[in-house]
């Protein structure tokens, strides 16, 4: 019989997985798997379990939020080759699950995790760390996952906050040198994002035809520091309409290097990712195979 390792965060989604654990395990068993349960016990435990225990199994499934997914992927990337990964989204925003068309209902997601369509997906390397779908710096990244769900545009949160800023002095800028295959950009930015997703912070709006999970490229967006209130409004409109202009820069890249004269805080998949002065962001093409829904 095939063996399955189920790594789950018992606290994700207010403990929803714990209440449905028997039913979820039964779905895995019905698909022909002998199931081993591994509840996470703290930070990085999912990474350790994936790295040390996954080689003994035919299939791995994880359940939790984007942070749990990040930890499991980090562990699996230490294996050669990593096993296919099923995912039961149980966090607050579950951004990456939207790329995979995963069902919101837990039991349906459990079935998809073992009998969905395998899809190779690019992952990201941020210096010596891994991210699944987004690395971001600057304005409001510390609250980007706690915004009302009514703002559905992928960049709607940032545009909304920018519109609400009454004084330009409240926006912190970061002087940066940004190097990528297409050239070099030097300016002051209030926000930047390197992503591979159609949803950021729970807001959808990026065109799936533009975002391809397996093309070896990131979508990069940089927002310059507005010097006047008129520029601030221009930036907000550009973000809402997803149309880059002189103050909102967008491009595709496989590798990007950010250099700052002082430590720059980053968020990786919604969690604090460190504050390096130099950040090397590199695409890892088709590094992990995830189970996709219809």
C-alpha atoms as a PDB file:
ATOM      1  CA  UNK A   1       0.000   0.000   0.000  1.00  0.00           C
ATOM      2  CA  UNK A   2       1.191   3.508  -0.796  1.00  0.00           C
ATOM      3  CA  UNK A   3       2.135   5.680   2.167  1.00  0.00           C
ATOM      4  CA  UNK A   4       1.089   9.307   2.750  1.00  0.00           C
ATOM      5  CA  UNK A   5       2.516  11.838   5.224  1.00  0.00           C
ATOM      6  CA  UNK A   6      -0.036  14.412   6.358  1.00  0.00           C
ATOM      7  CA  UNK A   7       1.585  17.485   7.945  1.00  0.00           C
ATOM      8  CA  UNK A   8      -0.987  19.829   9.456  1.00  0.00           C
ATOM      9  CA  UNK A   9      -1.068  22.925  11.629  1.00  0.00           C
ATOM     10  CA  UNK A  10      -3.640  22.141  14.350  1.00  0.00           C
ATOM     11  CA  UNK A  11      -4.152  25.846  15.064  1.00  0.00           C
ATOM     12  CA  UNK A  12      -4.798  27.030  11.496  1.00  0.00           C
ATOM     13  CA  UNK A  13      -8.301  28.178  10.645  1.00  0.00           C
ATOM     14  CA  UNK A  14      -9.317  28.154  14.326  1.00  0.00           C
ATOM     15  CA  UNK A  15      -8.544  24.461  14.527  1.00  0.00           C
ATOM     16  CA  UNK A  16     -10.872  23.435  11.709  1.00  0.00           C
ATOM     17  CA  UNK A  17      -8.628  20.584  10.577  1.00  0.00           C
ATOM     18  CA  UNK A  18      -8.646  18.990  14.049  1.00  0.00           C
ATOM     19  CA  UNK A  19     -12.431  18.737  13.969  1.00  0.00           C
ATOM     20  CA  UNK A  20     -12.378  17.109  10.509  1.00  0.00           C
ATOM     21  CA  UNK A  21      -9.221  15.039  10.921  1.00  0.00           C
ATOM     22  CA  UNK A  22     -10.967  11.650  10.892  1.00  0.00           C
ATOM     23  CA  UNK A  23     -12.951  12.474   7.762  1.00  0.00           C
ATOM     24  CA  UNK A  24      -9.894  13.863   5.963  1.00  0.00           C
ATOM     25  CA  UNK A  25      -7.790  10.802   6.803  1.00  0.00           C
ATOM     26  CA  UNK A  26     -10.637   8.584   5.581  1.00  0.00           C
ATOM     27  CA  UNK A  27     -10.560  10.336   2.187  1.00  0.00           C
ATOM     28  CA  UNK A  28      -6.834   9.667   1.922  1.00  0.00           C
ATOM     29  CA  UNK A  29      -7.351   6.026   2.888  1.00  0.00           C
ATOM     30  CA  UNK A  30     -10.119   5.663   0.300  1.00  0.00           C
ATOM     31  CA  UNK A  31      -7.601   6.774  -2.334  1.00  0.00           C
ATOM     32  CA  UNK A  32      -5.376   3.841  -1.381  1.00  0.00           C
ATOM     33  CA  UNK A  33      -2.977   5.421   1.095  1.00  0.00           C
ATOM     34  CA  UNK A  34      -1.759   4.352   4.504  1.00  0.00           C
ATOM     35  CA  UNK A  35      -1.783   7.650   6.385  1.00  0.00           C
ATOM     36  CA  UNK A  36       0.657   8.997   8.962  1.00  0.00           C
ATOM     37  CA  UNK A  37      -0.408  12.137  10.808  1.00  0.00           C
ATOM     38  CA  UNK A  38       2.083  14.798  11.855  1.00  0.00           C
ATOM     39  CA  UNK A  39       0.651  17.805  13.735  1.00  0.00           C
ATOM     40  CA  UNK A  40       3.153  20.664  13.824  1.00  0.00           C
ATOM     41  CA  UNK A  41       4.484  21.599  17.248  1.00  0.00           C
ATOM     42  CA  UNK A  42       5.989  25.015  16.560  1.00  0.00           C
ATOM     43  CA  UNK A  43       7.889  27.189  14.090  1.00  0.00           C
ATOM     44  CA  UNK A  44       9.968  25.261  11.509  1.00  0.00           C
ATOM     45  CA  UNK A  45       8.611  21.894  12.659  1.00  0.00           C
ATOM     46  CA  UNK A  46       6.849  21.452   9.304  1.00  0.00           C
ATOM     47  CA  UNK A  47      10.159  22.087   7.527  1.00  0.00           C
ATOM     48  CA  UNK A  48      11.929  19.488   9.640  1.00  0.00           C
ATOM     49  CA  UNK A  49       9.164  16.921   9.131  1.00  0.00           C
ATOM     50  CA  UNK A  50       9.130  17.441   5.373  1.00  0.00           C
ATOM     51  CA  UNK A  51      12.904  17.192   5.101  1.00  0.00           C
ATOM     52  CA  UNK A  52      13.444  14.221   7.415  1.00  0.00           C
ATOM     53  CA  UNK A  53      10.270  12.155   7.098  1.00  0.00           C
ATOM     54  CA  UNK A  54       9.018  12.763   3.547  1.00  0.00           C
ATOM     55  CA  UNK A  55      11.639  10.472   1.900  1.00  0.00           C
ATOM     56  CA  UNK A  56       9.860   7.528   3.561  1.00  0.00           C
ATOM     57  CA  UNK A  57       6.540   8.318   1.859  1.00  0.00           C
ATOM     58  CA  UNK A  58       5.039   8.191  -1.610  1.00  0.00           C
ATOM     59  CA  UNK A  59       3.022  11.376  -1.204  1.00  0.00           C
ATOM     60  CA  UNK A  60       2.931  14.396   1.116  1.00  0.00           C
ATOM     61  CA  UNK A  61      -0.066  16.561   1.971  1.00  0.00           C
ATOM     62  CA  UNK A  62      -0.007  19.648   4.175  1.00  0.00           C
ATOM     63  CA  UNK A  63      -2.797  21.641   5.788  1.00  0.00           C
ATOM     64  CA  UNK A  64      -2.567  25.164   7.149  1.00  0.00           C
ATOM     65  CA  UNK A  65      -2.073  28.692   5.911  1.00  0.00           C
ATOM     66  CA  UNK A  66       0.479  30.112   3.507  1.00  0.00           C
ATOM     67  CA  UNK A  67       3.090  30.001   6.280  1.00  0.00           C
ATOM     68  CA  UNK A  68       2.657  26.240   6.740  1.00  0.00           C
ATOM     69  CA  UNK A  69       2.851  25.719   2.992  1.00  0.00           C
ATOM     70  CA  UNK A  70       6.056  27.772   2.921  1.00  0.00           C
ATOM     71  CA  UNK A  71       7.627  25.644   5.662  1.00  0.00           C
ATOM     72  CA  UNK A  72       6.738  22.336   3.997  1.00  0.00           C
ATOM     73  CA  UNK A  73       8.011  23.500   0.609  1.00  0.00           C
ATOM     74  CA  UNK A  74      11.251  24.662   2.250  1.00  0.00           C
ATOM     75  CA  UNK A  75      11.792  21.174   3.635  1.00  0.00           C
ATOM     76  CA  UNK A  76      10.849  19.359   0.434  1.00  0.00           C
ATOM     77  CA  UNK A  77      13.280  21.425  -1.614  1.00  0.00           C
ATOM     78  CA  UNK A  78      16.093  19.762   0.332  1.00  0.00           C
ATOM     79  CA  UNK A  79      15.124  16.436  -1.274  1.00  0.00           C
ATOM     80  CA  UNK A  80      16.125  15.224  -4.732  1.00  0.00           C
ATOM     81  CA  UNK A  81      13.634  14.765  -6.160  1.00  0.00           C
ATOM     82  CA  UNK A  82      10.938  16.190  -3.868  1.00  0.00           C
ATOM     83  CA  UNK A  83       7.669  14.230  -3.772  1.00  0.00           C
ATOM     84  CA  UNK A  84       4.441  15.707  -5.105  1.00  0.00           C
ATOM     85  CA  UNK A  85       2.623  17.884  -2.586  1.00  0.00           C
ATOM     86  CA  UNK A  86      -1.088  18.170  -1.895  1.00  0.00           C
ATOM     87  CA  UNK A  87      -2.394  21.215  -0.049  1.00  0.00           C
ATOM     88  CA  UNK A  88      -5.455  21.783   2.116  1.00  0.00           C
ATOM     89  CA  UNK A  89      -5.758  25.574   2.588  1.00  0.00           C
ATOM     90  CA  UNK A  90      -6.848  26.428   6.125  1.00  0.00           C
ATOM     91  CA  UNK A  91      -5.373  29.868   6.753  1.00  0.00           C
ATOM     92  CA  UNK A  92      -6.772  33.379   6.669  1.00  0.00           C
ATOM     93  CA  UNK A  93      -6.092  34.394   3.072  1.00  0.00           C
ATOM     94  CA  UNK A  94      -4.822  31.193   1.380  1.00  0.00           C
ATOM     95  CA  UNK A  95      -3.400  33.213  -1.497  1.00  0.00           C
ATOM     96  CA  UNK A  96      -1.519  30.494  -3.283  1.00  0.00           C
ATOM     97  CA  UNK A  97      -4.450  28.050  -3.274  1.00  0.00           C
ATOM     98  CA  UNK A  98      -6.270  30.378  -5.670  1.00  0.00           C
ATOM     99  CA  UNK A  99      -3.596  29.695  -8.290  1.00  0.00           C
ATOM    100  CA  UNK A 100      -4.305  25.979  -7.984  1.00  0.00           C
ATOM    101  CA  UNK A 101      -8.124  26.270  -8.106  1.00  0.00           C
ATOM    102  CA  UNK A 102      -8.404  24.346  -4.856  1.00  0.00           C
ATOM    103  CA  UNK A 103     -11.867  23.844  -3.343  1.00  0.00           C
ATOM    104  CA  UNK A 104     -12.728  25.866  -0.247  1.00  0.00           C
ATOM    105  CA  UNK A 105     -14.472  22.876   1.367  1.00  0.00           C
ATOM    106  CA  UNK A 106     -11.972  20.802   3.331  1.00  0.00           C
ATOM    107  CA  UNK A 107     -13.117  17.338   2.275  1.00  0.00           C
ATOM    108  CA  UNK A 108     -13.199  18.339  -1.385  1.00  0.00           C
ATOM    109  CA  UNK A 109      -9.705  19.784  -0.989  1.00  0.00           C
ATOM    110  CA  UNK A 110      -8.596  16.509   0.634  1.00  0.00           C
ATOM    111  CA  UNK A 111      -9.769  14.548  -2.391  1.00  0.00           C
ATOM    112  CA  UNK A 112      -7.992  17.001  -4.688  1.00  0.00           C
ATOM    113  CA  UNK A 113      -4.792  16.634  -2.661  1.00  0.00           C
ATOM    114  CA  UNK A 114      -4.520  12.957  -3.583  1.00  0.00           C
ATOM    115  CA  UNK A 115      -6.327  12.740  -6.924  1.00  0.00           C
ATOM    116  CA  UNK A 116      -5.958  16.197  -8.464  1.00  0.00           C
ATOM    117  CA  UNK A 117      -3.771  17.069 -11.441  1.00  0.00           C
ATOM    118  CA  UNK A 118      -0.016  17.290 -10.733  1.00  0.00           C
ATOM    119  CA  UNK A 119       1.295  20.727 -11.702  1.00  0.00           C
ATOM    120  CA  UNK A 120       4.972  21.745 -11.614  1.00  0.00           C
ATOM    121  CA  UNK A 121       5.295  25.214 -10.053  1.00  0.00           C
ATOM    122  CA  UNK A 122       8.116  27.729  -9.822  1.00  0.00           C
ATOM    123  CA  UNK A 123       9.338  28.618  -6.351  1.00  0.00           C
ATOM    124  CA  UNK A 124      11.420  31.566  -5.183  1.00  0.00           C
ATOM    125  CA  UNK A 125      14.772  31.873  -3.454  1.00  0.00           C
ATOM    126  CA  UNK A 126      15.353  34.985  -1.340  1.00  0.00           C
ATOM    127  CA  UNK A 127      19.032  34.973  -0.352  1.00  0.00           C
ATOM    128  CA  UNK A 128      19.156  31.716   1.633  1.00  0.00           C
ATOM    129  CA  UNK A 129      15.411  31.452   2.235  1.00  0.00           C
ATOM    130  CA  UNK A 130      12.510  30.050   0.228  1.00  0.00           C
ATOM    131  CA  UNK A 131       9.222  31.682  -0.704  1.00  0.00           C
ATOM    132  CA  UNK A 132       6.293  30.168  -2.535  1.00  0.00           C
ATOM    133  CA  UNK A 133       4.571  33.112  -4.168  1.00  0.00           C
ATOM    134  CA  UNK A 134       5.540  36.600  -2.964  1.00  0.00           C
ATOM    135  CA  UNK A 135       8.402  38.621  -1.511  1.00  0.00           C
ATOM    136  CA  UNK A 136       7.514  42.233  -0.699  1.00  0.00           C
ATOM    137  CA  UNK A 137       8.959  45.287   1.015  1.00  0.00           C
ATOM    138  CA  UNK A 138       7.811  48.724   1.970  1.00  0.00           C
ATOM    139  CA  UNK A 139       4.553  50.421   2.781  1.00  0.00           C
ATOM    140  CA  UNK A 140       1.946  48.416   4.630  1.00  0.00           C
ATOM    141  CA  UNK A 141       3.487  44.964   4.106  1.00  0.00           C
ATOM    142  CA  UNK A 142       3.079  44.406   7.840  1.00  0.00           C
ATOM    143  CA  UNK A 143      -0.701  44.768   7.539  1.00  0.00           C
ATOM    144  CA  UNK A 144      -1.245  43.572   3.988  1.00  0.00           C
ATOM    145  CA  UNK A 145      -3.061  40.450   5.175  1.00  0.00           C
ATOM    146  CA  UNK A 146      -5.563  42.184   7.444  1.00  0.00           C
ATOM    147  CA  UNK A 147      -7.513  44.310   5.003  1.00  0.00           C
ATOM    148  CA  UNK A 148     -11.314  44.147   4.450  1.00  0.00           C
ATOM    149  CA  UNK A 149     -12.237  41.594   1.805  1.00  0.00           C
ATOM    150  CA  UNK A 150     -14.311  44.117  -0.129  1.00  0.00           C
ATOM    151  CA  UNK A 151     -11.173  45.360  -1.854  1.00  0.00           C
ATOM    152  CA  UNK A 152     -10.834  42.626  -4.437  1.00  0.00           C
ATOM    153  CA  UNK A 153      -8.269  44.034  -6.789  1.00  0.00           C
ATOM    154  CA  UNK A 154      -4.843  42.458  -6.304  1.00  0.00           C
ATOM    155  CA  UNK A 155      -3.370  45.912  -5.738  1.00  0.00           C
ATOM    156  CA  UNK A 156      -6.540  47.414  -4.298  1.00  0.00           C
ATOM    157  CA  UNK A 157      -5.277  47.404  -0.726  1.00  0.00           C
ATOM    158  CA  UNK A 158      -2.228  49.467  -1.546  1.00  0.00           C
ATOM    159  CA  UNK A 159      -4.244  51.877  -3.667  1.00  0.00           C
ATOM    160  CA  UNK A 160      -6.823  52.194  -0.912  1.00  0.00           C
ATOM    161  CA  UNK A 161      -4.249  52.996   1.726  1.00  0.00           C
ATOM    162  CA  UNK A 162      -2.448  55.422  -0.535  1.00  0.00           C
ATOM    163  CA  UNK A 163      -5.698  57.247  -1.180  1.00  0.00           C
ATOM    164  CA  UNK A 164      -6.202  57.572   2.553  1.00  0.00           C
ATOM    165  CA  UNK A 165      -2.814  59.117   3.233  1.00  0.00           C
ATOM    166  CA  UNK A 166      -3.298  62.776   4.069  1.00  0.00           C
ATOM    167  CA  UNK A 167       0.373  63.703   4.341  1.00  0.00           C
ATOM    168  CA  UNK A 168       3.210  62.602   2.089  1.00  0.00           C
ATOM    169  CA  UNK A 169       5.494  62.575   5.120  1.00  0.00           C
ATOM    170  CA  UNK A 170       3.774  59.465   6.452  1.00  0.00           C
ATOM    171  CA  UNK A 171       5.114  57.393   3.537  1.00  0.00           C
ATOM    172  CA  UNK A 172       8.556  55.935   4.154  1.00  0.00           C
ATOM    173  CA  UNK A 173      10.764  55.655   1.093  1.00  0.00           C
ATOM    174  CA  UNK A 174      13.652  53.316   0.381  1.00  0.00           C
ATOM    175  CA  UNK A 175      16.497  54.384  -1.933  1.00  0.00           C
ATOM    176  CA  UNK A 176      17.293  51.273  -3.970  1.00  0.00           C
ATOM    177  CA  UNK A 177      19.342  49.967  -6.828  1.00  0.00           C
ATOM    178  CA  UNK A 178      17.360  47.264  -8.648  1.00  0.00           C
ATOM    179  CA  UNK A 179      19.210  45.061 -11.128  1.00  0.00           C
ATOM    180  CA  UNK A 180      17.562  42.500 -13.417  1.00  0.00           C
ATOM    181  CA  UNK A 181      17.990  40.993 -16.874  1.00  0.00           C
ATOM    182  CA  UNK A 182      16.372  44.016 -18.491  1.00  0.00           C
ATOM    183  CA  UNK A 183      18.527  46.694 -16.930  1.00  0.00           C
ATOM    184  CA  UNK A 184      19.139  48.723 -13.783  1.00  0.00           C
ATOM    185  CA  UNK A 185      16.736  51.033 -11.930  1.00  0.00           C
ATOM    186  CA  UNK A 186      17.814  53.476  -9.225  1.00  0.00           C
ATOM    187  CA  UNK A 187      15.197  55.482  -7.381  1.00  0.00           C
ATOM    188  CA  UNK A 188      13.263  55.832  -4.125  1.00  0.00           C
ATOM    189  CA  UNK A 189      10.412  53.380  -3.670  1.00  0.00           C
ATOM    190  CA  UNK A 190       7.650  53.053  -1.102  1.00  0.00           C
ATOM    191  CA  UNK A 191       6.691  49.499  -2.084  1.00  0.00           C
ATOM    192  CA  UNK A 192       8.005  46.587  -4.094  1.00  0.00           C
ATOM    193  CA  UNK A 193       6.766  43.090  -4.836  1.00  0.00           C
ATOM    194  CA  UNK A 194       8.272  40.042  -6.543  1.00  0.00           C
ATOM    195  CA  UNK A 195       5.456  37.550  -7.051  1.00  0.00           C
ATOM    196  CA  UNK A 196       4.149  34.463  -8.797  1.00  0.00           C
ATOM    197  CA  UNK A 197       0.450  34.553  -7.961  1.00  0.00           C
ATOM    198  CA  UNK A 198      -2.951  35.865  -9.044  1.00  0.00           C
ATOM    199  CA  UNK A 199      -3.805  36.807  -5.456  1.00  0.00           C
ATOM    200  CA  UNK A 200      -1.943  38.937  -2.916  1.00  0.00           C
ATOM    201  CA  UNK A 201      -3.277  39.510   0.580  1.00  0.00           C
ATOM    202  CA  UNK A 202      -6.600  37.935  -0.407  1.00  0.00           C
ATOM    203  CA  UNK A 203      -7.183  40.319  -3.303  1.00  0.00           C
ATOM    204  CA  UNK A 204      -7.565  38.821  -6.744  1.00  0.00           C
ATOM    205  CA  UNK A 205      -7.242  40.724  -9.972  1.00  0.00           C
ATOM    206  CA  UNK A 206      -3.993  39.758 -11.670  1.00  0.00           C
ATOM    207  CA  UNK A 207      -4.666  38.303 -15.098  1.00  0.00           C
ATOM    208  CA  UNK A 208      -4.060  34.504 -15.040  1.00  0.00           C
ATOM    209  CA  UNK A 209      -2.896  34.824 -18.647  1.00  0.00           C
ATOM    210  CA  UNK A 210      -0.042  37.002 -17.433  1.00  0.00           C
ATOM    211  CA  UNK A 211       0.793  35.024 -14.288  1.00  0.00           C
ATOM    212  CA  UNK A 212       2.137  31.607 -15.257  1.00  0.00           C
ATOM    213  CA  UNK A 213       3.229  29.396 -12.384  1.00  0.00           C
ATOM    214  CA  UNK A 214       5.739  27.449 -14.449  1.00  0.00           C
ATOM    215  CA  UNK A 215       7.389  29.909 -16.863  1.00  0.00           C
ATOM    216  CA  UNK A 216      10.510  30.601 -14.788  1.00  0.00           C
ATOM    217  CA  UNK A 217       9.602  34.283 -14.400  1.00  0.00           C
ATOM    218  CA  UNK A 218       8.379  36.514 -11.605  1.00  0.00           C
ATOM    219  CA  UNK A 219       6.034  39.468 -11.904  1.00  0.00           C
ATOM    220  CA  UNK A 220       7.825  42.464 -10.367  1.00  0.00           C
ATOM    221  CA  UNK A 221       6.137  45.702  -9.295  1.00  0.00           C
ATOM    222  CA  UNK A 222       7.843  48.802  -7.881  1.00  0.00           C
ATOM    223  CA  UNK A 223       6.074  51.922  -6.643  1.00  0.00           C
ATOM    224  CA  UNK A 224       8.088  55.136  -6.608  1.00  0.00           C
ATOM    225  CA  UNK A 225       7.912  57.749  -3.887  1.00  0.00           C
ATOM    226  CA  UNK A 226       5.256  60.339  -4.797  1.00  0.00           C
ATOM    227  CA  UNK A 227       6.570  63.892  -4.534  1.00  0.00           C
ATOM    228  CA  UNK A 228       3.200  65.624  -4.679  1.00  0.00           C
ATOM    229  CA  UNK A 229      -0.418  64.795  -3.846  1.00  0.00           C
ATOM    230  CA  UNK A 230      -1.124  64.732  -7.585  1.00  0.00           C
ATOM    231  CA  UNK A 231       1.515  62.012  -8.044  1.00  0.00           C
ATOM    232  CA  UNK A 232      -0.009  60.131  -5.119  1.00  0.00           C
ATOM    233  CA  UNK A 233      -3.396  60.092  -6.838  1.00  0.00           C
ATOM    234  CA  UNK A 234      -1.787  59.049 -10.119  1.00  0.00           C
ATOM    235  CA  UNK A 235      -0.139  56.089  -8.398  1.00  0.00           C
ATOM    236  CA  UNK A 236      -3.401  55.048  -6.741  1.00  0.00           C
ATOM    237  CA  UNK A 237      -5.229  55.123 -10.081  1.00  0.00           C
ATOM    238  CA  UNK A 238      -2.451  53.166 -11.808  1.00  0.00           C
ATOM    239  CA  UNK A 239      -2.636  50.434  -9.159  1.00  0.00           C
ATOM    240  CA  UNK A 240      -6.410  50.207  -9.288  1.00  0.00           C
ATOM    241  CA  UNK A 241      -6.364  49.930 -13.086  1.00  0.00           C
ATOM    242  CA  UNK A 242      -3.255  47.695 -13.137  1.00  0.00           C
ATOM    243  CA  UNK A 243      -1.633  50.002 -15.675  1.00  0.00           C
ATOM    244  CA  UNK A 244       2.010  50.836 -14.885  1.00  0.00           C
ATOM    245  CA  UNK A 245       3.022  54.444 -15.483  1.00  0.00           C
ATOM    246  CA  UNK A 246       6.067  56.557 -14.662  1.00  0.00           C
ATOM    247  CA  UNK A 247       5.590  56.014 -10.927  1.00  0.00           C
ATOM    248  CA  UNK A 248       4.504  52.356 -11.012  1.00  0.00           C
ATOM    249  CA  UNK A 249       7.030  50.076 -12.706  1.00  0.00           C
ATOM    250  CA  UNK A 250       6.209  46.523 -13.749  1.00  0.00           C
ATOM    251  CA  UNK A 251       8.300  43.880 -15.488  1.00  0.00           C
ATOM    252  CA  UNK A 252       9.030  40.134 -15.666  1.00  0.00           C
ATOM    253  CA  UNK A 253      12.332  38.693 -14.468  1.00  0.00           C
ATOM    254  CA  UNK A 254      13.930  35.415 -13.438  1.00  0.00           C
ATOM    255  CA  UNK A 255      16.414  37.092 -11.128  1.00  0.00           C
ATOM    256  CA  UNK A 256      16.360  40.457  -9.334  1.00  0.00           C
ATOM    257  CA  UNK A 257      18.962  42.029  -7.036  1.00  0.00           C
ATOM    258  CA  UNK A 258      17.920  44.749  -4.593  1.00  0.00           C
ATOM    259  CA  UNK A 259      20.618  46.865  -2.946  1.00  0.00           C
ATOM    260  CA  UNK A 260      19.782  49.256  -0.116  1.00  0.00           C
ATOM    261  CA  UNK A 261      22.123  51.562   1.872  1.00  0.00           C
ATOM    262  CA  UNK A 262      20.473  50.371   5.088  1.00  0.00           C
ATOM    263  CA  UNK A 263      18.583  47.227   6.277  1.00  0.00           C
ATOM    264  CA  UNK A 264      15.350  46.772   4.331  1.00  0.00           C
ATOM    265  CA  UNK A 265      12.544  44.700   5.961  1.00  0.00           C
ATOM    266  CA  UNK A 266      10.896  42.109   3.692  1.00  0.00           C
ATOM    267  CA  UNK A 267       7.818  39.905   3.992  1.00  0.00           C
ATOM    268  CA  UNK A 268       7.950  36.404   2.483  1.00  0.00           C
ATOM    269  CA  UNK A 269       4.566  34.755   1.930  1.00  0.00           C
ATOM    270  CA  UNK A 270       3.118  37.083   4.565  1.00  0.00           C
ATOM    271  CA  UNK A 271       5.751  36.412   7.240  1.00  0.00           C
ATOM    272  CA  UNK A 272       8.771  38.492   8.233  1.00  0.00           C
ATOM    273  CA  UNK A 273      11.630  37.538   5.940  1.00  0.00           C
ATOM    274  CA  UNK A 274      14.534  39.512   7.396  1.00  0.00           C
ATOM    275  CA  UNK A 275      15.998  42.939   6.683  1.00  0.00           C
ATOM    276  CA  UNK A 276      19.099  42.522   4.494  1.00  0.00           C
ATOM    277  CA  UNK A 277      20.855  45.371   2.712  1.00  0.00           C
ATOM    278  CA  UNK A 278      21.263  43.146  -0.354  1.00  0.00           C
ATOM    279  CA  UNK A 279      18.510  40.794  -1.479  1.00  0.00           C
ATOM    280  CA  UNK A 280      19.094  38.291  -4.277  1.00  0.00           C
ATOM    281  CA  UNK A 281      15.755  37.011  -5.526  1.00  0.00           C
ATOM    282  CA  UNK A 282      15.906  34.071  -7.925  1.00  0.00           C
ATOM    283  CA  UNK A 283      13.263  31.974  -9.634  1.00  0.00           C
ATOM    284  CA  UNK A 284      13.509  28.189  -9.196  1.00  0.00           C
ATOM    285  CA  UNK A 285      11.697  26.864 -12.285  1.00  0.00           C
ATOM    286  CA  UNK A 286       9.194  24.056 -11.691  1.00  0.00           C
ATOM    287  CA  UNK A 287      10.856  23.206  -8.383  1.00  0.00           C
ATOM    288  CA  UNK A 288       7.789  21.700  -6.678  1.00  0.00           C
ATOM    289  CA  UNK A 289       4.879  19.678  -8.103  1.00  0.00           C
ATOM    290  CA  UNK A 290       1.578  20.582  -6.456  1.00  0.00           C
ATOM    291  CA  UNK A 291      -1.795  18.923  -6.891  1.00  0.00           C
ATOM    292  CA  UNK A 292      -4.184  21.216  -8.754  1.00  0.00           C
ATOM    293  CA  UNK A 293      -7.962  21.263  -8.832  1.00  0.00           C
ATOM    294  CA  UNK A 294     -10.170  21.699 -11.854  1.00  0.00           C
END
